[in-house]
Amino acid sequence: MLVEDEPVLAENLKAYLETRRCEVRVAHDGAGALALAASFGPDVLVLDYCLPDMDAFQLLDALRGRYDGERVLMTGHPSGAVCDDAAHRGIVNILLKPFPLADLARVVCKPQVARRERTR
């Protein structure tokens, strides 16, 4: 699941990941992400740090107990506090905007491949 409030960026990231054989569902805010996450179990959450209704950490807190998979944070404002909070929440992959699309594919596609192999 990709949570990005900029529609053009969200669609471009989605299109790129789909060329890498990833199934992508998009939400544009925290409330939409909560509703979307309730309808399926994403392998990976790719979260923009700044959303219109909450930040990525508030969204993760709201998802606590319903999702414990891979998390990727996208941010254009990497502060020490954000990086520390990310590490505290188990986020090891932080993509600093703008980032190469190959970096996104590297962290997103690997967990999906591993999950498909486990379910075979």
PDB file of N, CA and C in Angstrom:
ATOM      1  N   MET A   1       0.843  -1.171   0.000  1.00  0.00           N
ATOM      2  CA  MET A   1       0.000   0.000   0.000  1.00  0.00           C
ATOM      3  C   MET A   1       0.890   1.237   0.000  1.00  0.00           C
ATOM      4  N   LEU A   2       0.560   2.179  -0.836  1.00  0.00           N
ATOM      5  CA  LEU A   2       1.271   3.438  -0.967  1.00  0.00           C
ATOM      6  C   LEU A   2       0.374   4.538  -0.422  1.00  0.00           C
ATOM      7  N   VAL A   3       0.891   5.314   0.530  1.00  0.00           N
ATOM      8  CA  VAL A   3       0.139   6.428   1.099  1.00  0.00           C
ATOM      9  C   VAL A   3       0.907   7.701   0.782  1.00  0.00           C
ATOM     10  N   GLU A   4       0.381   8.449  -0.173  1.00  0.00           N
ATOM     11  CA  GLU A   4       1.036   9.666  -0.670  1.00  0.00           C
ATOM     12  C   GLU A   4      -0.053  10.671  -1.022  1.00  0.00           C
ATOM     13  N   ASP A   5       0.033  11.889  -0.479  1.00  0.00           N
ATOM     14  CA  ASP A   5      -1.027  12.871  -0.681  1.00  0.00           C
ATOM     15  C   ASP A   5      -0.931  13.630  -1.999  1.00  0.00           C
ATOM     16  N   GLU A   6       0.180  13.581  -2.675  1.00  0.00           N
ATOM     17  CA  GLU A   6       0.302  14.249  -3.969  1.00  0.00           C
ATOM     18  C   GLU A   6      -0.153  13.272  -5.059  1.00  0.00           C
ATOM     19  N   PRO A   7      -1.323  13.510  -5.670  1.00  0.00           N
ATOM     20  CA  PRO A   7      -1.893  12.540  -6.615  1.00  0.00           C
ATOM     21  C   PRO A   7      -0.982  12.172  -7.785  1.00  0.00           C
ATOM     22  N   VAL A   8      -0.311  13.151  -8.374  1.00  0.00           N
ATOM     23  CA  VAL A   8       0.547  12.849  -9.529  1.00  0.00           C
ATOM     24  C   VAL A   8       1.720  11.966  -9.101  1.00  0.00           C
ATOM     25  N   LEU A   9       2.352  12.306  -7.991  1.00  0.00           N
ATOM     26  CA  LEU A   9       3.457  11.492  -7.497  1.00  0.00           C
ATOM     27  C   LEU A   9       2.974  10.088  -7.148  1.00  0.00           C
ATOM     28  N   ALA A  10       1.831   9.999  -6.492  1.00  0.00           N
ATOM     29  CA  ALA A  10       1.292   8.688  -6.119  1.00  0.00           C
ATOM     30  C   ALA A  10       1.056   7.825  -7.357  1.00  0.00           C
ATOM     31  N   GLU A  11       0.460   8.397  -8.375  1.00  0.00           N
ATOM     32  CA  GLU A  11       0.190   7.628  -9.593  1.00  0.00           C
ATOM     33  C   GLU A  11       1.473   7.232 -10.311  1.00  0.00           C
ATOM     34  N   ASN A  12       2.471   8.110 -10.310  1.00  0.00           N
ATOM     35  CA  ASN A  12       3.751   7.773 -10.944  1.00  0.00           C
ATOM     36  C   ASN A  12       4.459   6.649 -10.191  1.00  0.00           C
ATOM     37  N   LEU A  13       4.468   6.716  -8.872  1.00  0.00           N
ATOM     38  CA  LEU A  13       5.089   5.655  -8.081  1.00  0.00           C
ATOM     39  C   LEU A  13       4.343   4.338  -8.263  1.00  0.00           C
ATOM     40  N   LYS A  14       3.031   4.410  -8.281  1.00  0.00           N
ATOM     41  CA  LYS A  14       2.205   3.213  -8.486  1.00  0.00           C
ATOM     42  C   LYS A  14       2.513   2.591  -9.856  1.00  0.00           C
ATOM     43  N   ALA A  15       2.527   3.410 -10.882  1.00  0.00           N
ATOM     44  CA  ALA A  15       2.792   2.909 -12.236  1.00  0.00           C
ATOM     45  C   ALA A  15       4.173   2.256 -12.309  1.00  0.00           C
ATOM     46  N   TYR A  16       5.155   2.875 -11.701  1.00  0.00           N
ATOM     47  CA  TYR A  16       6.502   2.298 -11.719  1.00  0.00           C
ATOM     48  C   TYR A  16       6.520   0.950 -10.999  1.00  0.00           C
ATOM     49  N   LEU A  17       5.945   0.886  -9.806  1.00  0.00           N
ATOM     50  CA  LEU A  17       5.953  -0.372  -9.052  1.00  0.00           C
ATOM     51  C   LEU A  17       5.186  -1.469  -9.791  1.00  0.00           C
ATOM     52  N   GLU A  18       4.135  -1.093 -10.495  1.00  0.00           N
ATOM     53  CA  GLU A  18       3.390  -2.093 -11.265  1.00  0.00           C
ATOM     54  C   GLU A  18       4.234  -2.649 -12.404  1.00  0.00           C
ATOM     55  N   THR A  19       5.139  -1.846 -12.963  1.00  0.00           N
ATOM     56  CA  THR A  19       6.032  -2.387 -13.992  1.00  0.00           C
ATOM     57  C   THR A  19       7.009  -3.386 -13.385  1.00  0.00           C
ATOM     58  N   ARG A  20       7.185  -3.316 -12.065  1.00  0.00           N
ATOM     59  CA  ARG A  20       8.062  -4.244 -11.347  1.00  0.00           C
ATOM     60  C   ARG A  20       7.261  -5.424 -10.785  1.00  0.00           C
ATOM     61  N   ARG A  21       6.039  -5.596 -11.281  1.00  0.00           N
ATOM     62  CA  ARG A  21       5.155  -6.707 -10.922  1.00  0.00           C
ATOM     63  C   ARG A  21       4.659  -6.648  -9.475  1.00  0.00           C
ATOM     64  N   CYS A  22       4.501  -5.440  -8.960  1.00  0.00           N
ATOM     65  CA  CYS A  22       3.928  -5.250  -7.626  1.00  0.00           C
ATOM     66  C   CYS A  22       2.460  -4.856  -7.770  1.00  0.00           C
ATOM     67  N   GLU A  23       1.634  -5.374  -6.912  1.00  0.00           N
ATOM     68  CA  GLU A  23       0.249  -4.923  -6.824  1.00  0.00           C
ATOM     69  C   GLU A  23       0.238  -3.741  -5.873  1.00  0.00           C
ATOM     70  N   VAL A  24      -0.286  -2.615  -6.312  1.00  0.00           N
ATOM     71  CA  VAL A  24      -0.233  -1.390  -5.518  1.00  0.00           C
ATOM     72  C   VAL A  24      -1.632  -0.832  -5.333  1.00  0.00           C
ATOM     73  N   ARG A  25      -1.945  -0.518  -4.092  1.00  0.00           N
ATOM     74  CA  ARG A  25      -3.173   0.209  -3.768  1.00  0.00           C
ATOM     75  C   ARG A  25      -2.749   1.524  -3.134  1.00  0.00           C
ATOM     76  N   VAL A  26      -3.471   2.590  -3.479  1.00  0.00           N
ATOM     77  CA  VAL A  26      -3.064   3.933  -3.083  1.00  0.00           C
ATOM     78  C   VAL A  26      -4.109   4.579  -2.189  1.00  0.00           C
ATOM     79  N   ALA A  27      -3.628   5.250  -1.149  1.00  0.00           N
ATOM     80  CA  ALA A  27      -4.445   6.131  -0.322  1.00  0.00           C
ATOM     81  C   ALA A  27      -3.757   7.489  -0.312  1.00  0.00           C
ATOM     82  N   HIS A  28      -4.566   8.551  -0.213  1.00  0.00           N
ATOM     83  CA  HIS A  28      -4.010   9.896  -0.269  1.00  0.00           C
ATOM     84  C   HIS A  28      -3.997  10.607   1.079  1.00  0.00           C
ATOM     85  N   ASP A  29      -4.496   9.933   2.114  1.00  0.00           N
ATOM     86  CA  ASP A  29      -4.439  10.508   3.456  1.00  0.00           C
ATOM     87  C   ASP A  29      -4.524   9.374   4.471  1.00  0.00           C
ATOM     88  N   GLY A  30      -4.376   9.720   5.739  1.00  0.00           N
ATOM     89  CA  GLY A  30      -4.378   8.704   6.780  1.00  0.00           C
ATOM     90  C   GLY A  30      -5.702   7.983   6.909  1.00  0.00           C
ATOM     91  N   ALA A  31      -6.803   8.727   6.843  1.00  0.00           N
ATOM     92  CA  ALA A  31      -8.122   8.098   6.961  1.00  0.00           C
ATOM     93  C   ALA A  31      -8.353   7.114   5.822  1.00  0.00           C
ATOM     94  N   GLY A  32      -7.974   7.486   4.616  1.00  0.00           N
ATOM     95  CA  GLY A  32      -8.112   6.584   3.480  1.00  0.00           C
ATOM     96  C   GLY A  32      -7.239   5.353   3.629  1.00  0.00           C
ATOM     97  N   ALA A  33      -6.043   5.538   4.189  1.00  0.00           N
ATOM     98  CA  ALA A  33      -5.136   4.405   4.409  1.00  0.00           C
ATOM     99  C   ALA A  33      -5.706   3.448   5.440  1.00  0.00           C
ATOM    100  N   LEU A  34      -6.302   3.980   6.501  1.00  0.00           N
ATOM    101  CA  LEU A  34      -6.921   3.121   7.521  1.00  0.00           C
ATOM    102  C   LEU A  34      -8.046   2.297   6.927  1.00  0.00           C
ATOM    103  N   ALA A  35      -8.884   2.929   6.124  1.00  0.00           N
ATOM    104  CA  ALA A  35      -9.990   2.210   5.479  1.00  0.00           C
ATOM    105  C   ALA A  35      -9.463   1.162   4.510  1.00  0.00           C
ATOM    106  N   LEU A  36      -8.464   1.516   3.732  1.00  0.00           N
ATOM    107  CA  LEU A  36      -7.898   0.588   2.752  1.00  0.00           C
ATOM    108  C   LEU A  36      -7.218  -0.587   3.441  1.00  0.00           C
ATOM    109  N   ALA A  37      -6.480  -0.319   4.497  1.00  0.00           N
ATOM    110  CA  ALA A  37      -5.782  -1.387   5.212  1.00  0.00           C
ATOM    111  C   ALA A  37      -6.756  -2.372   5.852  1.00  0.00           C
ATOM    112  N   ALA A  38      -7.960  -1.909   6.161  1.00  0.00           N
ATOM    113  CA  ALA A  38      -8.964  -2.791   6.753  1.00  0.00           C
ATOM    114  C   ALA A  38      -9.514  -3.789   5.735  1.00  0.00           C
ATOM    115  N   SER A  39      -9.366  -3.469   4.443  1.00  0.00           N
ATOM    116  CA  SER A  39      -9.951  -4.324   3.411  1.00  0.00           C
ATOM    117  C   SER A  39      -8.984  -5.355   2.839  1.00  0.00           C
ATOM    118  N   PHE A  40      -7.702  -5.246   3.164  1.00  0.00           N
ATOM    119  CA  PHE A  40      -6.723  -6.229   2.694  1.00  0.00           C
ATOM    120  C   PHE A  40      -5.486  -6.149   3.565  1.00  0.00           C
ATOM    121  N   GLY A  41      -4.616  -7.126   3.444  1.00  0.00           N
ATOM    122  CA  GLY A  41      -3.384  -7.159   4.230  1.00  0.00           C
ATOM    123  C   GLY A  41      -2.190  -6.832   3.367  1.00  0.00           C
ATOM    124  N   PRO A  42      -1.732  -5.577   3.364  1.00  0.00           N
ATOM    125  CA  PRO A  42      -0.588  -5.232   2.507  1.00  0.00           C
ATOM    126  C   PRO A  42       0.695  -5.905   2.973  1.00  0.00           C
ATOM    127  N   ASP A  43       1.540  -6.258   2.022  1.00  0.00           N
ATOM    128  CA  ASP A  43       2.868  -6.798   2.331  1.00  0.00           C
ATOM    129  C   ASP A  43       3.785  -5.697   2.834  1.00  0.00           C
ATOM    130  N   VAL A  44       3.630  -4.508   2.240  1.00  0.00           N
ATOM    131  CA  VAL A  44       4.513  -3.385   2.534  1.00  0.00           C
ATOM    132  C   VAL A  44       3.673  -2.105   2.611  1.00  0.00           C
ATOM    133  N   LEU A  45       3.995  -1.260   3.593  1.00  0.00           N
ATOM    134  CA  LEU A  45       3.417   0.084   3.675  1.00  0.00           C
ATOM    135  C   LEU A  45       4.488   1.082   3.268  1.00  0.00           C
ATOM    136  N   VAL A  46       4.203   1.864   2.240  1.00  0.00           N
ATOM    137  CA  VAL A  46       5.089   2.942   1.832  1.00  0.00           C
ATOM    138  C   VAL A  46       4.361   4.229   2.202  1.00  0.00           C
ATOM    139  N   LEU A  47       4.918   4.949   3.175  1.00  0.00           N
ATOM    140  CA  LEU A  47       4.222   6.077   3.767  1.00  0.00           C
ATOM    141  C   LEU A  47       4.962   7.383   3.550  1.00  0.00           C
ATOM    142  N   ASP A  48       4.231   8.368   3.051  1.00  0.00           N
ATOM    143  CA  ASP A  48       4.761   9.717   3.050  1.00  0.00           C
ATOM    144  C   ASP A  48       4.688  10.212   4.489  1.00  0.00           C
ATOM    145  N   TYR A  49       5.721  10.903   4.943  1.00  0.00           N
ATOM    146  CA  TYR A  49       5.733  11.351   6.333  1.00  0.00           C
ATOM    147  C   TYR A  49       4.625  12.372   6.608  1.00  0.00           C
ATOM    148  N   CYS A  50       4.479  13.357   5.734  1.00  0.00           N
ATOM    149  CA  CYS A  50       3.491  14.424   5.938  1.00  0.00           C
ATOM    150  C   CYS A  50       2.237  14.146   5.124  1.00  0.00           C
ATOM    151  N   LEU A  51       1.168  13.826   5.816  1.00  0.00           N
ATOM    152  CA  LEU A  51      -0.127  13.617   5.182  1.00  0.00           C
ATOM    153  C   LEU A  51      -1.057  14.744   5.620  1.00  0.00           C
ATOM    154  N   PRO A  52      -2.127  14.983   4.892  1.00  0.00           N
ATOM    155  CA  PRO A  52      -2.985  16.119   5.234  1.00  0.00           C
ATOM    156  C   PRO A  52      -3.679  15.999   6.594  1.00  0.00           C
ATOM    157  N   ASP A  53      -3.981  14.786   7.032  1.00  0.00           N
ATOM    158  CA  ASP A  53      -4.749  14.622   8.264  1.00  0.00           C
ATOM    159  C   ASP A  53      -3.961  14.049   9.439  1.00  0.00           C
ATOM    160  N   MET A  54      -2.760  13.547   9.180  1.00  0.00           N
ATOM    161  CA  MET A  54      -1.907  13.007  10.232  1.00  0.00           C
ATOM    162  C   MET A  54      -0.527  12.767   9.645  1.00  0.00           C
ATOM    163  N   ASP A  55       0.441  12.474  10.499  1.00  0.00           N
ATOM    164  CA  ASP A  55       1.737  12.110   9.947  1.00  0.00           C
ATOM    165  C   ASP A  55       1.851  10.583   9.897  1.00  0.00           C
ATOM    166  N   ALA A  56       2.897  10.112   9.289  1.00  0.00           N
ATOM    167  CA  ALA A  56       3.071   8.663   9.089  1.00  0.00           C
ATOM    168  C   ALA A  56       3.100   7.907  10.413  1.00  0.00           C
ATOM    169  N   PHE A  57       3.671   8.512  11.445  1.00  0.00           N
ATOM    170  CA  PHE A  57       3.760   7.831  12.729  1.00  0.00           C
ATOM    171  C   PHE A  57       2.395   7.719  13.406  1.00  0.00           C
ATOM    172  N   GLN A  58       1.574   8.749  13.260  1.00  0.00           N
ATOM    173  CA  GLN A  58       0.206   8.663  13.786  1.00  0.00           C
ATOM    174  C   GLN A  58      -0.573   7.567  13.061  1.00  0.00           C
ATOM    175  N   LEU A  59      -0.344   7.448  11.757  1.00  0.00           N
ATOM    176  CA  LEU A  59      -0.996   6.386  10.987  1.00  0.00           C
ATOM    177  C   LEU A  59      -0.531   5.019  11.466  1.00  0.00           C
ATOM    178  N   LEU A  60       0.763   4.849  11.650  1.00  0.00           N
ATOM    179  CA  LEU A  60       1.269   3.566  12.155  1.00  0.00           C
ATOM    180  C   LEU A  60       0.711   3.250  13.539  1.00  0.00           C
ATOM    181  N   ASP A  61       0.606   4.267  14.391  1.00  0.00           N
ATOM    182  CA  ASP A  61       0.018   4.046  15.714  1.00  0.00           C
ATOM    183  C   ASP A  61      -1.435   3.589  15.591  1.00  0.00           C
ATOM    184  N   ALA A  62      -2.176   4.181  14.651  1.00  0.00           N
ATOM    185  CA  ALA A  62      -3.569   3.795  14.443  1.00  0.00           C
ATOM    186  C   ALA A  62      -3.687   2.380  13.882  1.00  0.00           C
ATOM    187  N   LEU A  63      -2.673   1.940  13.157  1.00  0.00           N
ATOM    188  CA  LEU A  63      -2.670   0.595  12.573  1.00  0.00           C
ATOM    189  C   LEU A  63      -2.113  -0.469  13.521  1.00  0.00           C
ATOM    190  N   ARG A  64      -1.618  -0.040  14.666  1.00  0.00           N
ATOM    191  CA  ARG A  64      -1.000  -0.980  15.616  1.00  0.00           C
ATOM    192  C   ARG A  64      -1.951  -2.141  15.899  1.00  0.00           C
ATOM    193  N   GLY A  65      -1.409  -3.339  15.827  1.00  0.00           N
ATOM    194  CA  GLY A  65      -2.206  -4.541  16.058  1.00  0.00           C
ATOM    195  C   GLY A  65      -2.883  -5.074  14.807  1.00  0.00           C
ATOM    196  N   ARG A  66      -2.987  -4.247  13.769  1.00  0.00           N
ATOM    197  CA  ARG A  66      -3.606  -4.692  12.516  1.00  0.00           C
ATOM    198  C   ARG A  66      -2.580  -4.884  11.409  1.00  0.00           C
ATOM    199  N   TYR A  67      -1.374  -4.351  11.611  1.00  0.00           N
ATOM    200  CA  TYR A  67      -0.332  -4.474  10.595  1.00  0.00           C
ATOM    201  C   TYR A  67       1.018  -4.506  11.289  1.00  0.00           C
ATOM    202  N   ASP A  68       1.815  -5.499  10.949  1.00  0.00           N
ATOM    203  CA  ASP A  68       3.160  -5.561  11.528  1.00  0.00           C
ATOM    204  C   ASP A  68       4.215  -5.897  10.478  1.00  0.00           C
ATOM    205  N   GLY A  69       3.907  -5.624   9.228  1.00  0.00           N
ATOM    206  CA  GLY A  69       4.826  -5.951   8.145  1.00  0.00           C
ATOM    207  C   GLY A  69       5.839  -4.857   7.867  1.00  0.00           C
ATOM    208  N   GLU A  70       6.437  -4.954   6.720  1.00  0.00           N
ATOM    209  CA  GLU A  70       7.473  -4.026   6.265  1.00  0.00           C
ATOM    210  C   GLU A  70       6.920  -2.609   6.155  1.00  0.00           C
ATOM    211  N   ARG A  71       7.732  -1.627   6.585  1.00  0.00           N
ATOM    212  CA  ARG A  71       7.360  -0.220   6.521  1.00  0.00           C
ATOM    213  C   ARG A  71       8.474   0.551   5.825  1.00  0.00           C
ATOM    214  N   VAL A  72       8.074   1.467   4.951  1.00  0.00           N
ATOM    215  CA  VAL A  72       9.023   2.330   4.258  1.00  0.00           C
ATOM    216  C   VAL A  72       8.518   3.759   4.428  1.00  0.00           C
ATOM    217  N   LEU A  73       9.396   4.649   4.842  1.00  0.00           N
ATOM    218  CA  LEU A  73       9.032   6.049   5.034  1.00  0.00           C
ATOM    219  C   LEU A  73       9.637   6.888   3.921  1.00  0.00           C
ATOM    220  N   MET A  74       8.812   7.744   3.321  1.00  0.00           N
ATOM    221  CA  MET A  74       9.281   8.716   2.335  1.00  0.00           C
ATOM    222  C   MET A  74       9.183  10.095   2.979  1.00  0.00           C
ATOM    223  N   THR A  75      10.237  10.876   2.874  1.00  0.00           N
ATOM    224  CA  THR A  75      10.189  12.216   3.442  1.00  0.00           C
ATOM    225  C   THR A  75      11.108  13.165   2.689  1.00  0.00           C
ATOM    226  N   GLY A  76      10.696  14.404   2.641  1.00  0.00           N
ATOM    227  CA  GLY A  76      11.534  15.454   2.092  1.00  0.00           C
ATOM    228  C   GLY A  76      12.173  16.275   3.188  1.00  0.00           C
ATOM    229  N   HIS A  77      11.851  15.954   4.428  1.00  0.00           N
ATOM    230  CA  HIS A  77      12.324  16.725   5.578  1.00  0.00           C
ATOM    231  C   HIS A  77      12.922  15.799   6.631  1.00  0.00           C
ATOM    232  N   PRO A  78      14.079  15.213   6.342  1.00  0.00           N
ATOM    233  CA  PRO A  78      14.650  14.258   7.289  1.00  0.00           C
ATOM    234  C   PRO A  78      15.338  14.959   8.465  1.00  0.00           C
ATOM    235  N   SER A  79      14.702  14.941   9.592  1.00  0.00           N
ATOM    236  CA  SER A  79      15.335  15.484  10.789  1.00  0.00           C
ATOM    237  C   SER A  79      15.788  14.324  11.658  1.00  0.00           C
ATOM    238  N   GLY A  80      16.635  14.621  12.609  1.00  0.00           N
ATOM    239  CA  GLY A  80      17.074  13.581  13.541  1.00  0.00           C
ATOM    240  C   GLY A  80      15.903  12.989  14.299  1.00  0.00           C
ATOM    241  N   ALA A  81      14.936  13.833  14.672  1.00  0.00           N
ATOM    242  CA  ALA A  81      13.774  13.350  15.416  1.00  0.00           C
ATOM    243  C   ALA A  81      12.938  12.388  14.566  1.00  0.00           C
ATOM    244  N   VAL A  82      12.755  12.721  13.288  1.00  0.00           N
ATOM    245  CA  VAL A  82      11.985  11.846  12.401  1.00  0.00           C
ATOM    246  C   VAL A  82      12.706  10.511  12.246  1.00  0.00           C
ATOM    247  N   CYS A  83      14.003  10.547  12.029  1.00  0.00           N
ATOM    248  CA  CYS A  83      14.764   9.303  11.867  1.00  0.00           C
ATOM    249  C   CYS A  83      14.745   8.473  13.147  1.00  0.00           C
ATOM    250  N   ASP A  84      14.841   9.129  14.301  1.00  0.00           N
ATOM    251  CA  ASP A  84      14.774   8.408  15.574  1.00  0.00           C
ATOM    252  C   ASP A  84      13.395   7.781  15.778  1.00  0.00           C
ATOM    253  N   ASP A  85      12.339   8.541  15.486  1.00  0.00           N
ATOM    254  CA  ASP A  85      10.977   8.002  15.616  1.00  0.00           C
ATOM    255  C   ASP A  85      10.758   6.843  14.651  1.00  0.00           C
ATOM    256  N   ALA A  86      11.320   6.956  13.457  1.00  0.00           N
ATOM    257  CA  ALA A  86      11.194   5.875  12.478  1.00  0.00           C
ATOM    258  C   ALA A  86      11.857   4.608  13.008  1.00  0.00           C
ATOM    259  N   ALA A  87      13.047   4.741  13.528  1.00  0.00           N
ATOM    260  CA  ALA A  87      13.761   3.577  14.066  1.00  0.00           C
ATOM    261  C   ALA A  87      12.998   2.972  15.240  1.00  0.00           C
ATOM    262  N   HIS A  88      12.424   3.812  16.081  1.00  0.00           N
ATOM    263  CA  HIS A  88      11.639   3.346  17.229  1.00  0.00           C
ATOM    264  C   HIS A  88      10.435   2.519  16.779  1.00  0.00           C
ATOM    265  N   ARG A  89       9.905   2.836  15.606  1.00  0.00           N
ATOM    266  CA  ARG A  89       8.740   2.124  15.084  1.00  0.00           C
ATOM    267  C   ARG A  89       9.127   0.993  14.135  1.00  0.00           C
ATOM    268  N   GLY A  90      10.388   0.649  14.084  1.00  0.00           N
ATOM    269  CA  GLY A  90      10.829  -0.466  13.264  1.00  0.00           C
ATOM    270  C   GLY A  90      11.003  -0.149  11.799  1.00  0.00           C
ATOM    271  N   ILE A  91      11.068   1.110  11.451  1.00  0.00           N
ATOM    272  CA  ILE A  91      11.259   1.503  10.051  1.00  0.00           C
ATOM    273  C   ILE A  91      12.758   1.574   9.785  1.00  0.00           C
ATOM    274  N   VAL A  92      13.233   0.705   8.918  1.00  0.00           N
ATOM    275  CA  VAL A  92      14.655   0.709   8.593  1.00  0.00           C
ATOM    276  C   VAL A  92      14.925   1.343   7.232  1.00  0.00           C
ATOM    277  N   ASN A  93      13.880   1.486   6.420  1.00  0.00           N
ATOM    278  CA  ASN A  93      14.044   2.064   5.089  1.00  0.00           C
ATOM    279  C   ASN A  93      13.399   3.438   5.041  1.00  0.00           C
ATOM    280  N   ILE A  94      14.242   4.459   4.908  1.00  0.00           N
ATOM    281  CA  ILE A  94      13.775   5.835   4.766  1.00  0.00           C
ATOM    282  C   ILE A  94      14.266   6.330   3.424  1.00  0.00           C
ATOM    283  N   LEU A  95      13.337   6.734   2.579  1.00  0.00           N
ATOM    284  CA  LEU A  95      13.673   7.258   1.261  1.00  0.00           C
ATOM    285  C   LEU A  95      13.556   8.774   1.311  1.00  0.00           C
ATOM    286  N   LEU A  96      14.649   9.462   1.015  1.00  0.00           N
ATOM    287  CA  LEU A  96      14.678  10.918   1.054  1.00  0.00           C
ATOM    288  C   LEU A  96      14.287  11.465  -0.308  1.00  0.00           C
ATOM    289  N   LYS A  97      13.194  12.218  -0.350  1.00  0.00           N
ATOM    290  CA  LYS A  97      12.705  12.787  -1.607  1.00  0.00           C
ATOM    291  C   LYS A  97      13.647  13.884  -2.076  1.00  0.00           C
ATOM    292  N   PRO A  98      13.933  13.948  -3.357  1.00  0.00           N
ATOM    293  CA  PRO A  98      13.591  12.972  -4.390  1.00  0.00           C
ATOM    294  C   PRO A  98      14.547  11.786  -4.333  1.00  0.00           C
ATOM    295  N   PHE A  99      14.054  10.611  -4.609  1.00  0.00           N
ATOM    296  CA  PHE A  99      14.869   9.404  -4.550  1.00  0.00           C
ATOM    297  C   PHE A  99      14.781   8.664  -5.877  1.00  0.00           C
ATOM    298  N   PRO A 100      15.803   7.868  -6.203  1.00  0.00           N
ATOM    299  CA  PRO A 100      15.745   7.063  -7.431  1.00  0.00           C
ATOM    300  C   PRO A 100      14.652   6.000  -7.308  1.00  0.00           C
ATOM    301  N   LEU A 101      13.906   5.815  -8.359  1.00  0.00           N
ATOM    302  CA  LEU A 101      12.841   4.806  -8.344  1.00  0.00           C
ATOM    303  C   LEU A 101      13.380   3.412  -8.058  1.00  0.00           C
ATOM    304  N   ALA A 102      14.599   3.152  -8.485  1.00  0.00           N
ATOM    305  CA  ALA A 102      15.200   1.844  -8.216  1.00  0.00           C
ATOM    306  C   ALA A 102      15.329   1.588  -6.720  1.00  0.00           C
ATOM    307  N   ASP A 103      15.551   2.647  -5.928  1.00  0.00           N
ATOM    308  CA  ASP A 103      15.616   2.479  -4.478  1.00  0.00           C
ATOM    309  C   ASP A 103      14.265   2.050  -3.920  1.00  0.00           C
ATOM    310  N   LEU A 104      13.202   2.630  -4.456  1.00  0.00           N
ATOM    311  CA  LEU A 104      11.856   2.241  -4.024  1.00  0.00           C
ATOM    312  C   LEU A 104      11.596   0.779  -4.377  1.00  0.00           C
ATOM    313  N   ALA A 105      11.909   0.394  -5.579  1.00  0.00           N
ATOM    314  CA  ALA A 105      11.701  -1.001  -5.990  1.00  0.00           C
ATOM    315  C   ALA A 105      12.508  -1.963  -5.137  1.00  0.00           C
ATOM    316  N   ARG A 106      13.722  -1.578  -4.791  1.00  0.00           N
ATOM    317  CA  ARG A 106      14.585  -2.440  -3.990  1.00  0.00           C
ATOM    318  C   ARG A 106      13.946  -2.766  -2.643  1.00  0.00           C
ATOM    319  N   VAL A 107      13.349  -1.789  -1.995  1.00  0.00           N
ATOM    320  CA  VAL A 107      12.790  -2.045  -0.664  1.00  0.00           C
ATOM    321  C   VAL A 107      11.357  -2.555  -0.705  1.00  0.00           C
ATOM    322  N   VAL A 108      10.638  -2.286  -1.779  1.00  0.00           N
ATOM    323  CA  VAL A 108       9.241  -2.714  -1.855  1.00  0.00           C
ATOM    324  C   VAL A 108       9.097  -4.101  -2.464  1.00  0.00           C
ATOM    325  N   CYS A 109       9.787  -4.379  -3.522  1.00  0.00           N
ATOM    326  CA  CYS A 109       9.587  -5.636  -4.249  1.00  0.00           C
ATOM    327  C   CYS A 109      10.176  -6.837  -3.529  1.00  0.00           C
ATOM    328  N   LYS A 110      11.242  -6.668  -2.795  1.00  0.00           N
ATOM    329  CA  LYS A 110      11.872  -7.789  -2.098  1.00  0.00           C
ATOM    330  C   LYS A 110      10.925  -8.476  -1.108  1.00  0.00           C
ATOM    331  N   PRO A 111      10.221  -7.754  -0.229  1.00  0.00           N
ATOM    332  CA  PRO A 111       9.294  -8.435   0.693  1.00  0.00           C
ATOM    333  C   PRO A 111       8.152  -9.143  -0.030  1.00  0.00           C
ATOM    334  N   GLN A 112       7.679  -8.581  -1.139  1.00  0.00           N
ATOM    335  CA  GLN A 112       6.599  -9.236  -1.874  1.00  0.00           C
ATOM    336  C   GLN A 112       7.067 -10.544  -2.483  1.00  0.00           C
ATOM    337  N   VAL A 113       8.273 -10.565  -3.012  1.00  0.00           N
ATOM    338  CA  VAL A 113       8.817 -11.799  -3.579  1.00  0.00           C
ATOM    339  C   VAL A 113       8.946 -12.851  -2.482  1.00  0.00           C
ATOM    340  N   ALA A 114       9.453 -12.445  -1.330  1.00  0.00           N
ATOM    341  CA  ALA A 114       9.614 -13.388  -0.219  1.00  0.00           C
ATOM    342  C   ALA A 114       8.262 -13.943   0.220  1.00  0.00           C
ATOM    343  N   ARG A 115       7.243 -13.117   0.271  1.00  0.00           N
ATOM    344  CA  ARG A 115       5.921 -13.588   0.690  1.00  0.00           C
ATOM    345  C   ARG A 115       5.348 -14.555  -0.339  1.00  0.00           C
ATOM    346  N   ARG A 116       5.488 -14.236  -1.625  1.00  0.00           N
ATOM    347  CA  ARG A 116       4.978 -15.151  -2.662  1.00  0.00           C
ATOM    348  C   ARG A 116       5.666 -16.495  -2.569  1.00  0.00           C
ATOM    349  N   GLU A 117       6.966 -16.505  -2.297  1.00  0.00           N
ATOM    350  CA  GLU A 117       7.690 -17.766  -2.205  1.00  0.00           C
ATOM    351  C   GLU A 117       7.242 -18.572  -0.985  1.00  0.00           C
ATOM    352  N   ARG A 118       6.921 -17.926   0.128  1.00  0.00           N
ATOM    353  CA  ARG A 118       6.457 -18.615   1.321  1.00  0.00           C
ATOM    354  C   ARG A 118       5.075 -19.230   1.134  1.00  0.00           C
ATOM    355  N   THR A 119       4.238 -18.600   0.273  1.00  0.00           N
ATOM    356  CA  THR A 119       2.878 -19.090   0.092  1.00  0.00           C
ATOM    357  C   THR A 119       2.766 -20.166  -0.982  1.00  0.00           C
ATOM    358  N   ARG A 120       3.841 -20.485  -1.643  1.00  0.00           N
ATOM    359  CA  ARG A 120       3.797 -21.519  -2.707  1.00  0.00           C
ATOM    360  C   ARG A 120       3.768 -22.897  -2.111  1.00  0.00           C
TER     361      ARG A 120
END
